[in-house]
Amino acid sequence: MLAQIVLFDGVDPLDAIAPHEVLGAAGAHTGGAITAQLVTVGTATTVVSGNGLTLHAQAALDPDRADVLIIPGAAGSMANGATEITDRLTAALTPTLHQALHTFTARPGTVLGTVCGGSLLVGAAGLLTNRPAVTHRAGLAQLAAFGAVVVPARVVDDGDLVTAGGVTSGLDLALHLVERFLGAQTAFAIETLFEHERRGVVWRADAVTTG
């Protein structure tokens, strides 16, 4: 299973690195059942994150090959309505990435994940209409404006779309995906390795209701 995590100029590094660390550790624990890659659009290149860290992509985004695609958010000032963050997300959604997202989601069996403002980027691509989703609390109104059904949970699992809230929720998103694809024992092993306990209940669209 191949998980690709998309980098772009202005990306929040923790949004990208946390899932990469978790999924990479899960791959090592399972003898390669999952491979995690940091990728960029077009060709593998270097980006400067929103807080100035330089990140190097390991490969080029391949929407025809990836099984899981994770879109992180952007880092920047929260002043003036977080316009710096919004501008960075807008710049990241190039026509090539827009097409890649639609190509990826059209393939059966894939899962699109987002961390923090990554869901706003996906919403701007027109992929959240009537879909349960979450983002950083500061972006919930904008998420609703994209047509999403806002669920203010830590992680929202709607089958082929799994979104997570604020920055550190990337850990919880990735651990949820590990449990979903590789089992609870593997997820527990990675939790133990990282000494991180997942926060909150995962909201799932397939939950059984009674009464």
N, C-alpha and C. Protein backbone atom coordinates (compact mmCIF):
# COMPACT_ATOMS: atom_id res chain seq x y z
N MET A 1 0.84 -1.19 0.00
CA MET A 1 0.00 0.00 0.00
C MET A 1 0.88 1.24 0.00
N LEU A 2 0.58 2.18 -0.89
CA LEU A 2 1.38 3.39 -1.01
C LEU A 2 0.58 4.59 -0.51
N ALA A 3 1.15 5.29 0.46
CA ALA A 3 0.56 6.53 0.97
C ALA A 3 1.46 7.69 0.57
N GLN A 4 0.91 8.65 -0.16
CA GLN A 4 1.66 9.83 -0.56
C GLN A 4 1.12 11.06 0.17
N ILE A 5 2.04 11.87 0.67
CA ILE A 5 1.70 13.07 1.43
C ILE A 5 2.23 14.26 0.64
N VAL A 6 1.34 15.15 0.25
CA VAL A 6 1.68 16.21 -0.69
C VAL A 6 2.30 17.41 0.02
N LEU A 7 3.48 17.81 -0.45
CA LEU A 7 4.15 19.02 0.03
C LEU A 7 3.92 20.15 -0.96
N PHE A 8 3.95 21.38 -0.44
CA PHE A 8 3.85 22.57 -1.29
C PHE A 8 4.46 23.73 -0.52
N ASP A 9 4.85 24.79 -1.22
CA ASP A 9 5.41 25.96 -0.55
C ASP A 9 4.38 26.51 0.44
N GLY A 10 4.83 26.74 1.69
CA GLY A 10 3.94 27.25 2.72
C GLY A 10 3.27 26.17 3.54
N VAL A 11 3.52 24.90 3.24
CA VAL A 11 2.90 23.79 3.97
C VAL A 11 3.24 23.87 5.46
N ASP A 12 2.33 23.42 6.29
CA ASP A 12 2.63 23.27 7.71
C ASP A 12 3.44 21.98 7.86
N PRO A 13 4.69 22.04 8.32
CA PRO A 13 5.52 20.84 8.32
C PRO A 13 4.98 19.73 9.21
N LEU A 14 4.39 20.08 10.35
CA LEU A 14 3.88 19.02 11.23
C LEU A 14 2.69 18.30 10.60
N ASP A 15 1.88 19.02 9.83
CA ASP A 15 0.75 18.39 9.12
C ASP A 15 1.24 17.25 8.23
N ALA A 16 2.42 17.44 7.64
CA ALA A 16 2.95 16.45 6.71
C ALA A 16 3.83 15.42 7.40
N ILE A 17 4.69 15.88 8.31
CA ILE A 17 5.67 14.97 8.92
C ILE A 17 5.02 14.00 9.89
N ALA A 18 4.01 14.44 10.65
CA ALA A 18 3.38 13.53 11.62
C ALA A 18 2.78 12.30 10.93
N PRO A 19 1.96 12.46 9.87
CA PRO A 19 1.48 11.25 9.18
C PRO A 19 2.60 10.43 8.56
N HIS A 20 3.61 11.09 8.03
CA HIS A 20 4.73 10.37 7.42
C HIS A 20 5.44 9.51 8.46
N GLU A 21 5.66 10.05 9.64
CA GLU A 21 6.33 9.30 10.71
C GLU A 21 5.50 8.09 11.13
N VAL A 22 4.21 8.31 11.33
CA VAL A 22 3.33 7.22 11.79
C VAL A 22 3.24 6.13 10.73
N LEU A 23 2.97 6.52 9.49
CA LEU A 23 2.80 5.52 8.44
C LEU A 23 4.12 4.83 8.13
N GLY A 24 5.22 5.58 8.19
CA GLY A 24 6.52 4.97 7.98
C GLY A 24 6.85 3.94 9.05
N ALA A 25 6.53 4.27 10.30
CA ALA A 25 6.76 3.33 11.39
C ALA A 25 5.88 2.10 11.24
N ALA A 26 4.65 2.29 10.79
CA ALA A 26 3.76 1.16 10.58
C ALA A 26 4.29 0.25 9.48
N GLY A 27 4.87 0.85 8.45
CA GLY A 27 5.47 0.05 7.39
C GLY A 27 6.63 -0.77 7.89
N ALA A 28 7.48 -0.15 8.71
CA ALA A 28 8.62 -0.87 9.27
C ALA A 28 8.16 -2.00 10.19
N HIS A 29 7.09 -1.74 10.94
CA HIS A 29 6.59 -2.73 11.90
C HIS A 29 5.98 -3.93 11.20
N THR A 30 5.43 -3.71 10.01
CA THR A 30 4.72 -4.78 9.30
C THR A 30 5.52 -5.37 8.15
N GLY A 31 6.78 -5.03 8.06
CA GLY A 31 7.60 -5.56 6.98
C GLY A 31 7.27 -5.00 5.62
N GLY A 32 6.78 -3.76 5.59
CA GLY A 32 6.54 -3.10 4.32
C GLY A 32 5.11 -3.14 3.82
N ALA A 33 4.15 -3.37 4.73
CA ALA A 33 2.75 -3.41 4.30
C ALA A 33 2.27 -2.06 3.80
N ILE A 34 2.92 -1.00 4.25
CA ILE A 34 2.58 0.35 3.77
C ILE A 34 3.88 1.13 3.60
N THR A 35 3.92 1.94 2.55
CA THR A 35 5.06 2.81 2.29
C THR A 35 4.56 4.25 2.29
N ALA A 36 5.25 5.12 3.00
CA ALA A 36 4.88 6.52 3.07
C ALA A 36 5.90 7.36 2.31
N GLN A 37 5.42 8.27 1.49
CA GLN A 37 6.29 9.16 0.73
C GLN A 37 5.84 10.60 0.85
N LEU A 38 6.80 11.50 1.01
CA LEU A 38 6.54 12.93 0.85
C LEU A 38 6.70 13.24 -0.63
N VAL A 39 5.70 13.87 -1.22
CA VAL A 39 5.72 14.08 -2.67
C VAL A 39 5.40 15.53 -3.01
N THR A 40 5.79 15.92 -4.21
CA THR A 40 5.41 17.22 -4.76
C THR A 40 4.81 17.01 -6.14
N VAL A 41 4.10 18.00 -6.60
CA VAL A 41 3.41 17.92 -7.88
C VAL A 41 4.41 18.09 -9.03
N GLY A 42 4.27 17.23 -10.03
CA GLY A 42 5.12 17.33 -11.21
C GLY A 42 6.35 16.47 -11.08
N THR A 43 7.36 16.99 -10.39
CA THR A 43 8.58 16.24 -10.12
C THR A 43 8.92 16.38 -8.65
N ALA A 44 9.72 15.47 -8.13
CA ALA A 44 10.17 15.56 -6.75
C ALA A 44 11.07 16.77 -6.60
N THR A 45 10.74 17.65 -5.68
CA THR A 45 11.51 18.88 -5.52
C THR A 45 11.54 19.29 -4.05
N THR A 46 12.12 20.44 -3.79
CA THR A 46 12.25 20.98 -2.44
C THR A 46 11.23 22.11 -2.26
N VAL A 47 10.62 22.16 -1.08
CA VAL A 47 9.70 23.25 -0.78
C VAL A 47 10.14 23.93 0.51
N VAL A 48 9.71 25.15 0.68
CA VAL A 48 9.94 25.87 1.93
C VAL A 48 8.61 25.94 2.67
N SER A 49 8.58 25.39 3.86
CA SER A 49 7.33 25.33 4.61
C SER A 49 6.95 26.71 5.11
N GLY A 50 5.75 26.79 5.67
CA GLY A 50 5.24 28.07 6.14
C GLY A 50 5.99 28.65 7.30
N ASN A 51 6.77 27.84 8.01
CA ASN A 51 7.57 28.39 9.10
C ASN A 51 9.06 28.41 8.77
N GLY A 52 9.39 28.24 7.47
CA GLY A 52 10.76 28.40 7.03
C GLY A 52 11.59 27.13 6.93
N LEU A 53 11.07 26.01 7.39
CA LEU A 53 11.80 24.76 7.26
C LEU A 53 11.80 24.30 5.80
N THR A 54 12.92 23.78 5.36
CA THR A 54 13.02 23.23 4.01
C THR A 54 12.72 21.74 4.05
N LEU A 55 11.81 21.31 3.19
CA LEU A 55 11.42 19.90 3.14
C LEU A 55 11.71 19.36 1.74
N HIS A 56 12.18 18.15 1.69
CA HIS A 56 12.56 17.53 0.43
C HIS A 56 11.59 16.38 0.09
N ALA A 57 10.99 16.47 -1.06
CA ALA A 57 10.10 15.39 -1.51
C ALA A 57 10.92 14.16 -1.88
N GLN A 58 10.34 13.01 -1.60
CA GLN A 58 10.99 11.74 -1.94
C GLN A 58 10.59 11.23 -3.31
N ALA A 59 9.50 11.74 -3.83
CA ALA A 59 8.98 11.27 -5.12
C ALA A 59 8.02 12.30 -5.67
N ALA A 60 7.56 12.07 -6.88
CA ALA A 60 6.53 12.92 -7.49
C ALA A 60 5.15 12.35 -7.18
N LEU A 61 4.19 13.22 -7.02
CA LEU A 61 2.80 12.80 -6.82
C LEU A 61 2.36 11.92 -7.98
N ASP A 62 1.77 10.78 -7.64
CA ASP A 62 1.30 9.85 -8.67
C ASP A 62 -0.13 9.42 -8.33
N PRO A 63 -1.14 10.17 -8.80
CA PRO A 63 -2.52 9.86 -8.45
C PRO A 63 -3.04 8.56 -9.05
N ASP A 64 -2.31 8.02 -10.01
CA ASP A 64 -2.71 6.75 -10.61
C ASP A 64 -2.16 5.55 -9.84
N ARG A 65 -1.24 5.79 -8.93
CA ARG A 65 -0.57 4.70 -8.22
C ARG A 65 -0.83 4.70 -6.72
N ALA A 66 -1.00 5.87 -6.12
CA ALA A 66 -1.17 5.95 -4.67
C ALA A 66 -2.48 5.30 -4.24
N ASP A 67 -2.45 4.68 -3.07
CA ASP A 67 -3.66 4.12 -2.46
C ASP A 67 -4.27 5.10 -1.46
N VAL A 68 -3.40 5.83 -0.77
CA VAL A 68 -3.80 6.85 0.18
C VAL A 68 -3.10 8.14 -0.20
N LEU A 69 -3.84 9.23 -0.22
CA LEU A 69 -3.28 10.54 -0.51
C LEU A 69 -3.65 11.47 0.63
N ILE A 70 -2.64 12.10 1.24
CA ILE A 70 -2.88 12.98 2.38
C ILE A 70 -2.50 14.40 2.00
N ILE A 71 -3.44 15.33 2.22
CA ILE A 71 -3.23 16.74 1.92
C ILE A 71 -3.09 17.50 3.23
N PRO A 72 -1.91 18.03 3.53
CA PRO A 72 -1.74 18.84 4.74
C PRO A 72 -2.24 20.26 4.53
N GLY A 73 -2.25 21.03 5.61
CA GLY A 73 -2.61 22.43 5.51
C GLY A 73 -1.38 23.31 5.38
N ALA A 74 -1.59 24.61 5.51
CA ALA A 74 -0.51 25.58 5.41
C ALA A 74 -0.24 26.19 6.78
N ALA A 75 0.98 26.68 6.95
CA ALA A 75 1.35 27.41 8.17
C ALA A 75 1.46 28.89 7.84
N GLY A 76 1.13 29.73 8.82
CA GLY A 76 1.23 31.16 8.60
C GLY A 76 0.55 31.91 9.72
N SER A 77 0.49 33.21 9.58
CA SER A 77 -0.10 34.06 10.61
C SER A 77 -1.61 33.82 10.69
N MET A 78 -2.12 33.82 11.93
CA MET A 78 -3.56 33.70 12.14
C MET A 78 -4.22 35.08 12.22
N ALA A 79 -3.43 36.14 12.06
CA ALA A 79 -3.99 37.49 12.11
C ALA A 79 -4.76 37.80 10.83
N ASN A 80 -5.61 38.81 10.90
CA ASN A 80 -6.37 39.28 9.73
C ASN A 80 -7.14 38.16 9.05
N GLY A 81 -7.78 37.32 9.89
CA GLY A 81 -8.59 36.25 9.33
C GLY A 81 -7.79 35.14 8.69
N ALA A 82 -6.54 35.00 9.11
CA ALA A 82 -5.66 33.93 8.59
C ALA A 82 -5.52 34.00 7.07
N THR A 83 -5.49 35.22 6.53
CA THR A 83 -5.40 35.37 5.08
C THR A 83 -4.09 34.81 4.52
N GLU A 84 -3.02 34.87 5.31
CA GLU A 84 -1.75 34.32 4.83
C GLU A 84 -1.87 32.83 4.58
N ILE A 85 -2.54 32.14 5.50
CA ILE A 85 -2.74 30.70 5.34
C ILE A 85 -3.64 30.43 4.14
N THR A 86 -4.72 31.18 4.03
CA THR A 86 -5.65 31.00 2.91
C THR A 86 -4.95 31.22 1.58
N ASP A 87 -4.10 32.26 1.52
CA ASP A 87 -3.38 32.55 0.28
C ASP A 87 -2.45 31.40 -0.09
N ARG A 88 -1.81 30.80 0.90
CA ARG A 88 -0.88 29.70 0.63
C ARG A 88 -1.62 28.45 0.15
N LEU A 89 -2.79 28.21 0.71
CA LEU A 89 -3.60 27.08 0.25
C LEU A 89 -4.10 27.31 -1.17
N THR A 90 -4.50 28.54 -1.45
CA THR A 90 -4.98 28.88 -2.79
C THR A 90 -3.88 28.70 -3.82
N ALA A 91 -2.66 29.15 -3.47
CA ALA A 91 -1.53 29.01 -4.39
C ALA A 91 -1.16 27.55 -4.61
N ALA A 92 -1.35 26.73 -3.57
CA ALA A 92 -0.99 25.31 -3.68
C ALA A 92 -1.92 24.55 -4.63
N LEU A 93 -3.17 25.02 -4.75
CA LEU A 93 -4.13 24.30 -5.60
C LEU A 93 -3.95 24.73 -7.05
N THR A 94 -2.86 24.28 -7.63
CA THR A 94 -2.59 24.54 -9.03
C THR A 94 -3.53 23.70 -9.91
N PRO A 95 -3.68 24.05 -11.18
CA PRO A 95 -4.49 23.20 -12.06
C PRO A 95 -4.02 21.75 -12.08
N THR A 96 -2.71 21.53 -11.98
CA THR A 96 -2.19 20.16 -11.99
C THR A 96 -2.62 19.40 -10.75
N LEU A 97 -2.53 20.04 -9.57
CA LEU A 97 -2.96 19.36 -8.35
C LEU A 97 -4.47 19.17 -8.36
N HIS A 98 -5.20 20.16 -8.84
CA HIS A 98 -6.67 20.04 -8.95
C HIS A 98 -7.04 18.80 -9.76
N GLN A 99 -6.41 18.64 -10.91
CA GLN A 99 -6.70 17.48 -11.75
C GLN A 99 -6.26 16.19 -11.08
N ALA A 100 -5.12 16.22 -10.41
CA ALA A 100 -4.62 15.02 -9.73
C ALA A 100 -5.58 14.56 -8.63
N LEU A 101 -6.14 15.50 -7.90
CA LEU A 101 -7.10 15.15 -6.85
C LEU A 101 -8.33 14.47 -7.43
N HIS A 102 -8.82 15.00 -8.54
CA HIS A 102 -10.00 14.40 -9.17
C HIS A 102 -9.67 13.04 -9.79
N THR A 103 -8.49 12.92 -10.36
CA THR A 103 -8.06 11.63 -10.91
C THR A 103 -7.96 10.59 -9.80
N PHE A 104 -7.37 10.98 -8.69
CA PHE A 104 -7.19 10.07 -7.57
C PHE A 104 -8.53 9.62 -7.00
N THR A 105 -9.41 10.57 -6.72
CA THR A 105 -10.68 10.23 -6.07
C THR A 105 -11.62 9.45 -6.99
N ALA A 106 -11.39 9.51 -8.30
CA ALA A 106 -12.21 8.75 -9.23
C ALA A 106 -11.85 7.27 -9.24
N ARG A 107 -10.69 6.94 -8.74
CA ARG A 107 -10.27 5.54 -8.71
C ARG A 107 -10.93 4.83 -7.53
N PRO A 108 -11.51 3.66 -7.72
CA PRO A 108 -12.12 2.92 -6.61
C PRO A 108 -11.06 2.40 -5.66
N GLY A 109 -11.41 2.37 -4.37
CA GLY A 109 -10.53 1.77 -3.38
C GLY A 109 -9.51 2.71 -2.78
N THR A 110 -9.50 3.97 -3.20
CA THR A 110 -8.54 4.92 -2.66
C THR A 110 -9.12 5.65 -1.45
N VAL A 111 -8.23 6.25 -0.65
CA VAL A 111 -8.66 7.05 0.49
C VAL A 111 -7.93 8.38 0.44
N LEU A 112 -8.69 9.46 0.46
CA LEU A 112 -8.14 10.81 0.52
C LEU A 112 -8.20 11.30 1.96
N GLY A 113 -7.06 11.67 2.51
CA GLY A 113 -7.00 12.17 3.87
C GLY A 113 -6.55 13.62 3.89
N THR A 114 -6.99 14.36 4.89
CA THR A 114 -6.55 15.74 5.04
C THR A 114 -6.21 16.01 6.50
N VAL A 115 -5.30 16.95 6.69
CA VAL A 115 -4.94 17.41 8.03
C VAL A 115 -5.13 18.92 8.07
N CYS A 116 -5.81 19.40 9.10
CA CYS A 116 -5.97 20.83 9.34
C CYS A 116 -6.54 21.51 8.09
N GLY A 117 -5.87 22.55 7.59
CA GLY A 117 -6.37 23.29 6.44
C GLY A 117 -6.35 22.53 5.13
N GLY A 118 -5.80 21.31 5.13
CA GLY A 118 -5.82 20.51 3.91
C GLY A 118 -7.23 20.26 3.40
N SER A 119 -8.19 20.18 4.33
CA SER A 119 -9.57 19.97 3.89
C SER A 119 -10.13 21.20 3.17
N LEU A 120 -9.61 22.38 3.50
CA LEU A 120 -10.04 23.58 2.79
C LEU A 120 -9.51 23.57 1.35
N LEU A 121 -8.30 23.08 1.17
CA LEU A 121 -7.77 22.93 -0.18
C LEU A 121 -8.61 21.95 -0.99
N VAL A 122 -8.95 20.84 -0.37
CA VAL A 122 -9.78 19.83 -1.04
C VAL A 122 -11.18 20.39 -1.31
N GLY A 123 -11.69 21.18 -0.36
CA GLY A 123 -12.99 21.81 -0.57
C GLY A 123 -12.97 22.77 -1.74
N ALA A 124 -11.87 23.53 -1.87
CA ALA A 124 -11.74 24.46 -2.99
C ALA A 124 -11.68 23.73 -4.32
N ALA A 125 -11.25 22.46 -4.28
CA ALA A 125 -11.22 21.64 -5.49
C ALA A 125 -12.58 21.04 -5.82
N GLY A 126 -13.58 21.32 -4.98
CA GLY A 126 -14.94 20.85 -5.24
C GLY A 126 -15.21 19.42 -4.83
N LEU A 127 -14.45 18.92 -3.86
CA LEU A 127 -14.57 17.51 -3.50
C LEU A 127 -15.23 17.27 -2.14
N LEU A 128 -15.79 18.31 -1.54
CA LEU A 128 -16.39 18.13 -0.21
C LEU A 128 -17.90 18.38 -0.18
N THR A 129 -18.52 18.58 -1.30
CA THR A 129 -19.96 18.87 -1.32
C THR A 129 -20.75 17.74 -0.68
N ASN A 130 -21.49 18.10 0.38
CA ASN A 130 -22.34 17.15 1.13
C ASN A 130 -21.55 16.04 1.80
N ARG A 131 -20.24 16.26 2.01
CA ARG A 131 -19.42 15.26 2.67
C ARG A 131 -19.14 15.68 4.11
N PRO A 132 -19.29 14.78 5.09
CA PRO A 132 -18.88 15.10 6.46
C PRO A 132 -17.38 15.34 6.50
N ALA A 133 -16.96 16.41 7.17
CA ALA A 133 -15.54 16.76 7.20
C ALA A 133 -15.26 17.70 8.35
N VAL A 134 -13.97 17.84 8.65
CA VAL A 134 -13.53 18.76 9.70
C VAL A 134 -12.23 19.42 9.26
N THR A 135 -11.89 20.52 9.91
CA THR A 135 -10.62 21.21 9.70
C THR A 135 -10.26 21.89 11.02
N HIS A 136 -9.24 22.72 11.01
CA HIS A 136 -8.92 23.52 12.19
C HIS A 136 -10.14 24.35 12.56
N ARG A 137 -10.35 24.52 13.85
CA ARG A 137 -11.57 25.22 14.30
C ARG A 137 -11.71 26.61 13.67
N ALA A 138 -10.58 27.25 13.34
CA ALA A 138 -10.65 28.58 12.74
C ALA A 138 -11.18 28.55 11.32
N GLY A 139 -11.21 27.37 10.71
CA GLY A 139 -11.65 27.28 9.32
C GLY A 139 -12.98 26.60 9.12
N LEU A 140 -13.72 26.34 10.21
CA LEU A 140 -14.96 25.58 10.08
C LEU A 140 -16.01 26.30 9.23
N ALA A 141 -16.12 27.62 9.38
CA ALA A 141 -17.09 28.36 8.58
C ALA A 141 -16.74 28.29 7.09
N GLN A 142 -15.46 28.40 6.78
CA GLN A 142 -15.04 28.30 5.38
C GLN A 142 -15.28 26.90 4.85
N LEU A 143 -15.08 25.89 5.69
CA LEU A 143 -15.34 24.52 5.29
C LEU A 143 -16.80 24.35 4.91
N ALA A 144 -17.70 24.91 5.72
CA ALA A 144 -19.13 24.84 5.41
C ALA A 144 -19.46 25.56 4.12
N ALA A 145 -18.75 26.66 3.85
CA ALA A 145 -18.99 27.43 2.62
C ALA A 145 -18.63 26.62 1.38
N PHE A 146 -17.75 25.64 1.53
CA PHE A 146 -17.40 24.76 0.41
C PHE A 146 -18.41 23.64 0.23
N GLY A 147 -19.45 23.63 1.07
CA GLY A 147 -20.51 22.63 0.92
C GLY A 147 -20.36 21.41 1.79
N ALA A 148 -19.33 21.40 2.65
CA ALA A 148 -19.13 20.25 3.54
C ALA A 148 -20.15 20.25 4.66
N VAL A 149 -20.42 19.07 5.19
CA VAL A 149 -21.22 18.93 6.40
C VAL A 149 -20.23 18.90 7.56
N VAL A 150 -20.14 19.99 8.29
CA VAL A 150 -19.10 20.13 9.31
C VAL A 150 -19.40 19.24 10.52
N VAL A 151 -18.42 18.42 10.87
CA VAL A 151 -18.48 17.58 12.06
C VAL A 151 -17.27 17.95 12.91
N PRO A 152 -17.44 18.65 14.02
CA PRO A 152 -16.30 19.15 14.78
C PRO A 152 -15.64 18.07 15.65
N ALA A 153 -15.28 16.97 15.04
CA ALA A 153 -14.60 15.87 15.74
C ALA A 153 -13.10 15.95 15.45
N ARG A 154 -12.33 15.16 16.17
CA ARG A 154 -10.88 15.14 15.94
C ARG A 154 -10.56 14.52 14.58
N VAL A 155 -11.22 13.40 14.27
CA VAL A 155 -11.06 12.72 12.99
C VAL A 155 -12.45 12.35 12.48
N VAL A 156 -12.72 12.60 11.22
CA VAL A 156 -14.01 12.28 10.61
C VAL A 156 -13.76 11.31 9.47
N ASP A 157 -14.30 10.10 9.58
CA ASP A 157 -14.10 9.04 8.60
C ASP A 157 -15.38 8.85 7.80
N ASP A 158 -15.33 9.26 6.54
CA ASP A 158 -16.48 9.10 5.64
C ASP A 158 -16.13 8.13 4.51
N GLY A 159 -15.45 7.05 4.89
CA GLY A 159 -15.12 6.02 3.91
C GLY A 159 -13.89 6.36 3.10
N ASP A 160 -14.11 6.86 1.89
CA ASP A 160 -12.98 7.20 1.04
C ASP A 160 -12.45 8.61 1.28
N LEU A 161 -12.99 9.28 2.30
CA LEU A 161 -12.53 10.61 2.71
C LEU A 161 -12.38 10.61 4.23
N VAL A 162 -11.16 10.89 4.70
CA VAL A 162 -10.91 10.95 6.14
C VAL A 162 -10.21 12.27 6.42
N THR A 163 -10.88 13.12 7.22
CA THR A 163 -10.34 14.44 7.51
C THR A 163 -10.02 14.55 9.00
N ALA A 164 -9.08 15.44 9.32
CA ALA A 164 -8.68 15.64 10.71
C ALA A 164 -8.61 17.12 11.01
N GLY A 165 -8.70 17.45 12.30
CA GLY A 165 -8.78 18.85 12.73
C GLY A 165 -7.46 19.58 12.71
N GLY A 166 -7.11 20.23 13.83
CA GLY A 166 -5.92 21.05 13.91
C GLY A 166 -4.62 20.27 13.77
N VAL A 167 -3.52 21.00 13.79
CA VAL A 167 -2.21 20.51 13.38
C VAL A 167 -1.83 19.14 13.94
N THR A 168 -1.90 18.97 15.26
CA THR A 168 -1.44 17.71 15.85
C THR A 168 -2.35 16.53 15.53
N SER A 169 -3.52 16.80 14.98
CA SER A 169 -4.44 15.71 14.65
C SER A 169 -3.92 14.85 13.51
N GLY A 170 -2.85 15.27 12.85
CA GLY A 170 -2.24 14.42 11.84
C GLY A 170 -1.75 13.11 12.41
N LEU A 171 -1.31 13.13 13.66
CA LEU A 171 -0.94 11.89 14.34
C LEU A 171 -2.14 10.96 14.45
N ASP A 172 -3.27 11.53 14.86
CA ASP A 172 -4.47 10.72 15.08
C ASP A 172 -5.06 10.23 13.76
N LEU A 173 -5.01 11.08 12.73
CA LEU A 173 -5.46 10.65 11.41
C LEU A 173 -4.68 9.43 10.96
N ALA A 174 -3.35 9.52 11.04
CA ALA A 174 -2.51 8.42 10.56
C ALA A 174 -2.69 7.16 11.39
N LEU A 175 -2.81 7.31 12.69
CA LEU A 175 -3.02 6.14 13.54
C LEU A 175 -4.37 5.49 13.24
N HIS A 176 -5.37 6.30 12.95
CA HIS A 176 -6.66 5.74 12.57
C HIS A 176 -6.55 4.96 11.26
N LEU A 177 -5.82 5.52 10.30
CA LEU A 177 -5.64 4.80 9.04
C LEU A 177 -4.86 3.51 9.25
N VAL A 178 -3.86 3.54 10.13
CA VAL A 178 -3.11 2.32 10.43
C VAL A 178 -4.04 1.26 11.03
N GLU A 179 -4.88 1.67 11.96
CA GLU A 179 -5.82 0.71 12.56
C GLU A 179 -6.80 0.19 11.51
N ARG A 180 -7.27 1.07 10.67
CA ARG A 180 -8.25 0.68 9.66
C ARG A 180 -7.69 -0.31 8.66
N PHE A 181 -6.45 -0.10 8.22
CA PHE A 181 -5.87 -0.94 7.17
C PHE A 181 -4.99 -2.07 7.70
N LEU A 182 -4.34 -1.86 8.83
CA LEU A 182 -3.36 -2.83 9.31
C LEU A 182 -3.71 -3.43 10.67
N GLY A 183 -4.83 -2.97 11.26
CA GLY A 183 -5.30 -3.60 12.49
C GLY A 183 -4.94 -2.84 13.75
N ALA A 184 -5.72 -3.12 14.80
CA ALA A 184 -5.56 -2.42 16.07
C ALA A 184 -4.23 -2.74 16.74
N GLN A 185 -3.73 -3.96 16.57
CA GLN A 185 -2.47 -4.31 17.21
C GLN A 185 -1.32 -3.48 16.63
N THR A 186 -1.33 -3.29 15.33
CA THR A 186 -0.29 -2.46 14.72
C THR A 186 -0.41 -1.02 15.18
N ALA A 187 -1.63 -0.50 15.20
CA ALA A 187 -1.84 0.88 15.66
C ALA A 187 -1.38 1.04 17.10
N PHE A 188 -1.68 0.07 17.93
CA PHE A 188 -1.27 0.15 19.33
C PHE A 188 0.26 0.12 19.44
N ALA A 189 0.90 -0.69 18.62
CA ALA A 189 2.37 -0.76 18.64
C ALA A 189 2.99 0.58 18.27
N ILE A 190 2.39 1.29 17.30
CA ILE A 190 2.94 2.57 16.89
C ILE A 190 2.64 3.64 17.94
N GLU A 191 1.46 3.59 18.53
CA GLU A 191 1.14 4.48 19.65
C GLU A 191 2.17 4.32 20.77
N THR A 192 2.47 3.07 21.08
CA THR A 192 3.42 2.79 22.15
C THR A 192 4.81 3.30 21.78
N LEU A 193 5.21 3.08 20.55
CA LEU A 193 6.51 3.54 20.09
C LEU A 193 6.64 5.06 20.21
N PHE A 194 5.59 5.78 19.83
CA PHE A 194 5.63 7.24 19.85
C PHE A 194 5.21 7.84 21.20
N GLU A 195 4.75 6.98 22.12
CA GLU A 195 4.23 7.44 23.41
C GLU A 195 3.16 8.52 23.21
N HIS A 196 2.25 8.23 22.29
CA HIS A 196 1.17 9.15 21.99
C HIS A 196 -0.16 8.42 22.11
N GLU A 197 -1.08 8.97 22.88
CA GLU A 197 -2.42 8.39 22.99
C GLU A 197 -3.38 9.23 22.14
N ARG A 198 -4.09 8.56 21.25
CA ARG A 198 -5.01 9.27 20.38
C ARG A 198 -6.07 10.03 21.18
N ARG A 199 -6.43 11.21 20.66
CA ARG A 199 -7.41 12.05 21.33
C ARG A 199 -8.76 11.95 20.62
N GLY A 200 -9.83 11.94 21.42
CA GLY A 200 -11.16 12.04 20.85
C GLY A 200 -11.66 10.76 20.21
N VAL A 201 -12.94 10.75 19.93
CA VAL A 201 -13.58 9.62 19.26
C VAL A 201 -13.62 9.90 17.77
N VAL A 202 -13.31 8.90 16.98
CA VAL A 202 -13.39 9.05 15.52
C VAL A 202 -14.86 9.00 15.11
N TRP A 203 -15.31 10.04 14.43
CA TRP A 203 -16.68 10.06 13.89
C TRP A 203 -16.68 9.27 12.60
N ARG A 204 -17.58 8.29 12.52
CA ARG A 204 -17.63 7.45 11.33
C ARG A 204 -19.02 7.49 10.72
N ALA A 205 -19.07 7.60 9.41
CA ALA A 205 -20.35 7.68 8.72
C ALA A 205 -21.12 6.38 8.78
N ASP A 206 -20.42 5.27 9.00
CA ASP A 206 -21.08 3.96 9.00
C ASP A 206 -21.47 3.51 10.41
N ALA A 207 -21.49 4.44 11.36
CA ALA A 207 -21.84 4.08 12.74
C ALA A 207 -23.25 3.51 12.81
N VAL A 208 -23.44 2.53 13.67
CA VAL A 208 -24.76 1.90 13.85
C VAL A 208 -25.53 2.71 14.90
N THR A 209 -26.76 3.09 14.56
CA THR A 209 -27.59 3.82 15.51
C THR A 209 -28.68 2.92 16.04
N THR A 210 -29.11 3.17 17.26
CA THR A 210 -30.17 2.38 17.89
C THR A 210 -31.25 3.30 18.40
N GLY A 211 -32.39 2.69 18.72
CA GLY A 211 -33.45 3.47 19.31
C GLY A 211 -34.46 3.94 18.28
